[in-house]
Amino acid sequence: MNPSYFFTVLSRYCDFNGRSRRAEYWNFVLFNALIILGLMLVGRIIGLHFLHSLYALAVFLPAMGVAVRRLHDTDRCGWWVLLCLIPILGPLIVFVFMCLDSDANANTYGPNPKL
């Protein structure tokens, strides 16, 4: 659990080029989930039930960027993220892609970020 990955993704706000490691992607997902859960709890307590929605809207583009870069890391086109629009099976396929290891060598999207 490394919070620096979260800030790295935010600093590359709308960057859909290059590659992102598994650690960067999954740390961002983890911190996003924790922040959304915290905002849901705070929103329920203070009566502002839309706080988590505002946050999710604010990090939508960075989340898409890191997802596309993660797909690039497995040598897949970023358009594969659109599989998430297909109910049940689509998100499962994208989840498997996100769990796969990086392409060991440089690919069409850039050098291996592990090196």
C-alpha atoms as a PDB file:
ATOM      1  CA  MET A   1       0.000   0.000   0.000  1.00  0.00           C
ATOM      2  CA  ASN A   2       1.833   3.017  -1.303  1.00  0.00           C
ATOM      3  CA  PRO A   3       0.005   6.371  -1.414  1.00  0.00           C
ATOM      4  CA  SER A   4       2.589   7.838  -3.777  1.00  0.00           C
ATOM      5  CA  TYR A   5       1.030   5.822  -6.611  1.00  0.00           C
ATOM      6  CA  PHE A   6      -2.282   7.593  -5.980  1.00  0.00           C
ATOM      7  CA  PHE A   7      -0.664  10.991  -6.386  1.00  0.00           C
ATOM      8  CA  THR A   8       1.299   9.801  -9.417  1.00  0.00           C
ATOM      9  CA  VAL A   9      -1.958   8.899 -11.158  1.00  0.00           C
ATOM     10  CA  LEU A  10      -3.489  12.253 -10.221  1.00  0.00           C
ATOM     11  CA  SER A  11      -0.451  14.105 -11.531  1.00  0.00           C
ATOM     12  CA  ARG A  12      -0.865  12.347 -14.902  1.00  0.00           C
ATOM     13  CA  TYR A  13      -4.492  13.572 -14.957  1.00  0.00           C
ATOM     14  CA  CYS A  14      -5.481  13.071 -18.621  1.00  0.00           C
ATOM     15  CA  ASP A  15      -2.454  11.131 -19.810  1.00  0.00           C
ATOM     16  CA  PHE A  16      -3.577   8.163 -21.896  1.00  0.00           C
ATOM     17  CA  ASN A  17      -0.108   7.463 -23.306  1.00  0.00           C
ATOM     18  CA  GLY A  18       2.540   5.137 -21.972  1.00  0.00           C
ATOM     19  CA  ARG A  19       2.351   2.279 -19.526  1.00  0.00           C
ATOM     20  CA  SER A  20       1.449   1.858 -15.843  1.00  0.00           C
ATOM     21  CA  ARG A  21       2.528  -0.977 -13.590  1.00  0.00           C
ATOM     22  CA  ARG A  22       0.104  -3.270 -11.788  1.00  0.00           C
ATOM     23  CA  ALA A  23       1.138  -1.766  -8.461  1.00  0.00           C
ATOM     24  CA  GLU A  24       0.282   1.749  -9.639  1.00  0.00           C
ATOM     25  CA  TYR A  25      -3.134   0.682 -10.912  1.00  0.00           C
ATOM     26  CA  TRP A  26      -4.175  -1.426  -7.923  1.00  0.00           C
ATOM     27  CA  ASN A  27      -2.912   1.087  -5.342  1.00  0.00           C
ATOM     28  CA  PHE A  28      -4.958   3.776  -7.082  1.00  0.00           C
ATOM     29  CA  VAL A  29      -8.037   1.521  -7.063  1.00  0.00           C
ATOM     30  CA  LEU A  30      -7.539   0.714  -3.374  1.00  0.00           C
ATOM     31  CA  PHE A  31      -7.125   4.337  -2.285  1.00  0.00           C
ATOM     32  CA  ASN A  32     -10.066   5.389  -4.447  1.00  0.00           C
ATOM     33  CA  ALA A  33     -12.277   2.763  -2.810  1.00  0.00           C
ATOM     34  CA  LEU A  34     -11.200   3.834   0.684  1.00  0.00           C
ATOM     35  CA  ILE A  35     -11.805   7.514  -0.067  1.00  0.00           C
ATOM     36  CA  ILE A  36     -15.230   6.809  -1.578  1.00  0.00           C
ATOM     37  CA  LEU A  37     -16.230   4.673   1.413  1.00  0.00           C
ATOM     38  CA  GLY A  38     -15.071   7.424   3.769  1.00  0.00           C
ATOM     39  CA  LEU A  39     -16.996  10.068   1.840  1.00  0.00           C
ATOM     40  CA  MET A  40     -20.103   7.888   1.846  1.00  0.00           C
ATOM     41  CA  LEU A  41     -19.864   7.580   5.618  1.00  0.00           C
ATOM     42  CA  VAL A  42     -19.227  11.296   6.162  1.00  0.00           C
ATOM     43  CA  GLY A  43     -21.962  12.192   3.692  1.00  0.00           C
ATOM     44  CA  ARG A  44     -24.459  10.019   5.530  1.00  0.00           C
ATOM     45  CA  ILE A  45     -23.503  11.555   8.875  1.00  0.00           C
ATOM     46  CA  ILE A  46     -23.753  15.178   7.745  1.00  0.00           C
ATOM     47  CA  GLY A  47     -26.636  14.638   5.319  1.00  0.00           C
ATOM     48  CA  LEU A  48     -24.767  15.293   2.058  1.00  0.00           C
ATOM     49  CA  HIS A  49     -25.268  11.985   0.299  1.00  0.00           C
ATOM     50  CA  PHE A  50     -23.693  13.172  -2.955  1.00  0.00           C
ATOM     51  CA  LEU A  51     -20.137  13.777  -1.665  1.00  0.00           C
ATOM     52  CA  HIS A  52     -18.822  10.470  -2.948  1.00  0.00           C
ATOM     53  CA  SER A  53     -20.421  11.123  -6.346  1.00  0.00           C
ATOM     54  CA  LEU A  54     -18.632  14.459  -6.658  1.00  0.00           C
ATOM     55  CA  TYR A  55     -15.333  12.804  -5.795  1.00  0.00           C
ATOM     56  CA  ALA A  56     -15.951   9.963  -8.274  1.00  0.00           C
ATOM     57  CA  LEU A  57     -16.688  12.514 -10.980  1.00  0.00           C
ATOM     58  CA  ALA A  58     -13.491  14.415 -10.124  1.00  0.00           C
ATOM     59  CA  VAL A  59     -11.268  11.322 -10.456  1.00  0.00           C
ATOM     60  CA  PHE A  60     -13.043   9.804 -13.464  1.00  0.00           C
ATOM     61  CA  LEU A  61     -10.451  10.972 -16.025  1.00  0.00           C
ATOM     62  CA  PRO A  62      -7.406   9.959 -13.941  1.00  0.00           C
ATOM     63  CA  ALA A  63      -9.043   6.550 -13.373  1.00  0.00           C
ATOM     64  CA  MET A  64      -9.640   6.113 -17.098  1.00  0.00           C
ATOM     65  CA  GLY A  65      -6.080   7.224 -17.826  1.00  0.00           C
ATOM     66  CA  VAL A  66      -4.492   4.712 -15.473  1.00  0.00           C
ATOM     67  CA  ALA A  67      -6.789   1.941 -16.761  1.00  0.00           C
ATOM     68  CA  VAL A  68      -5.768   2.667 -20.359  1.00  0.00           C
ATOM     69  CA  ARG A  69      -2.078   2.818 -19.408  1.00  0.00           C
ATOM     70  CA  ARG A  70      -2.465  -0.484 -17.537  1.00  0.00           C
ATOM     71  CA  LEU A  71      -3.947  -2.088 -20.652  1.00  0.00           C
ATOM     72  CA  HIS A  72      -1.036  -0.664 -22.641  1.00  0.00           C
ATOM     73  CA  ASP A  73       1.304  -2.358 -20.171  1.00  0.00           C
ATOM     74  CA  THR A  74      -0.224  -5.727 -21.112  1.00  0.00           C
ATOM     75  CA  ASP A  75       0.192  -4.771 -24.816  1.00  0.00           C
ATOM     76  CA  ARG A  76      -3.511  -4.148 -25.407  1.00  0.00           C
ATOM     77  CA  CYS A  77      -5.189  -1.143 -26.931  1.00  0.00           C
ATOM     78  CA  GLY A  78      -6.836   1.221 -24.449  1.00  0.00           C
ATOM     79  CA  TRP A  79     -10.165   0.778 -26.201  1.00  0.00           C
ATOM     80  CA  TRP A  80     -10.471  -2.592 -24.437  1.00  0.00           C
ATOM     81  CA  VAL A  81     -11.664  -0.617 -21.410  1.00  0.00           C
ATOM     82  CA  LEU A  82     -14.987  -0.218 -23.238  1.00  0.00           C
ATOM     83  CA  LEU A  83     -15.643  -3.911 -22.553  1.00  0.00           C
ATOM     84  CA  CYS A  84     -16.793  -2.727 -19.130  1.00  0.00           C
ATOM     85  CA  LEU A  85     -19.972  -1.519 -20.835  1.00  0.00           C
ATOM     86  CA  ILE A  86     -20.991  -5.134 -21.525  1.00  0.00           C
ATOM     87  CA  PRO A  87     -22.846  -6.426 -18.438  1.00  0.00           C
ATOM     88  CA  ILE A  88     -21.185  -9.108 -16.278  1.00  0.00           C
ATOM     89  CA  LEU A  89     -18.749 -10.613 -18.806  1.00  0.00           C
ATOM     90  CA  GLY A  90     -17.102  -7.357 -19.946  1.00  0.00           C
ATOM     91  CA  PRO A  91     -15.894  -6.175 -16.519  1.00  0.00           C
ATOM     92  CA  LEU A  92     -14.694  -9.697 -15.749  1.00  0.00           C
ATOM     93  CA  ILE A  93     -12.525  -9.764 -18.891  1.00  0.00           C
ATOM     94  CA  VAL A  94     -11.083  -6.308 -18.128  1.00  0.00           C
ATOM     95  CA  PHE A  95     -10.398  -7.419 -14.535  1.00  0.00           C
ATOM     96  CA  VAL A  96      -8.364 -10.362 -15.848  1.00  0.00           C
ATOM     97  CA  PHE A  97      -6.405  -8.024 -18.134  1.00  0.00           C
ATOM     98  CA  MET A  98      -5.647  -5.722 -15.187  1.00  0.00           C
ATOM     99  CA  CYS A  99      -4.325  -8.666 -13.163  1.00  0.00           C
ATOM    100  CA  LEU A 100      -1.960  -9.924 -15.867  1.00  0.00           C
ATOM    101  CA  ASP A 101       1.748  -9.246 -15.611  1.00  0.00           C
ATOM    102  CA  SER A 102       3.418  -6.600 -17.718  1.00  0.00           C
ATOM    103  CA  ASP A 103       4.772  -7.275 -21.155  1.00  0.00           C
ATOM    104  CA  ALA A 104       8.407  -8.020 -20.260  1.00  0.00           C
ATOM    105  CA  ASN A 105       9.936  -6.045 -23.115  1.00  0.00           C
ATOM    106  CA  ALA A 106       9.287  -2.681 -24.647  1.00  0.00           C
ATOM    107  CA  ASN A 107       6.096  -2.739 -26.694  1.00  0.00           C
ATOM    108  CA  THR A 108       4.325  -0.317 -29.020  1.00  0.00           C
ATOM    109  CA  TYR A 109       3.263   1.792 -26.010  1.00  0.00           C
ATOM    110  CA  GLY A 110       6.711   2.318 -24.535  1.00  0.00           C
ATOM    111  CA  PRO A 111       9.435   0.729 -22.423  1.00  0.00           C
ATOM    112  CA  ASN A 112       8.665  -1.603 -19.532  1.00  0.00           C
ATOM    113  CA  PRO A 113       7.945   0.590 -16.458  1.00  0.00           C
ATOM    114  CA  LYS A 114       9.436  -2.059 -14.146  1.00  0.00           C
ATOM    115  CA  LEU A 115      12.918  -1.480 -15.540  1.00  0.00           C
END
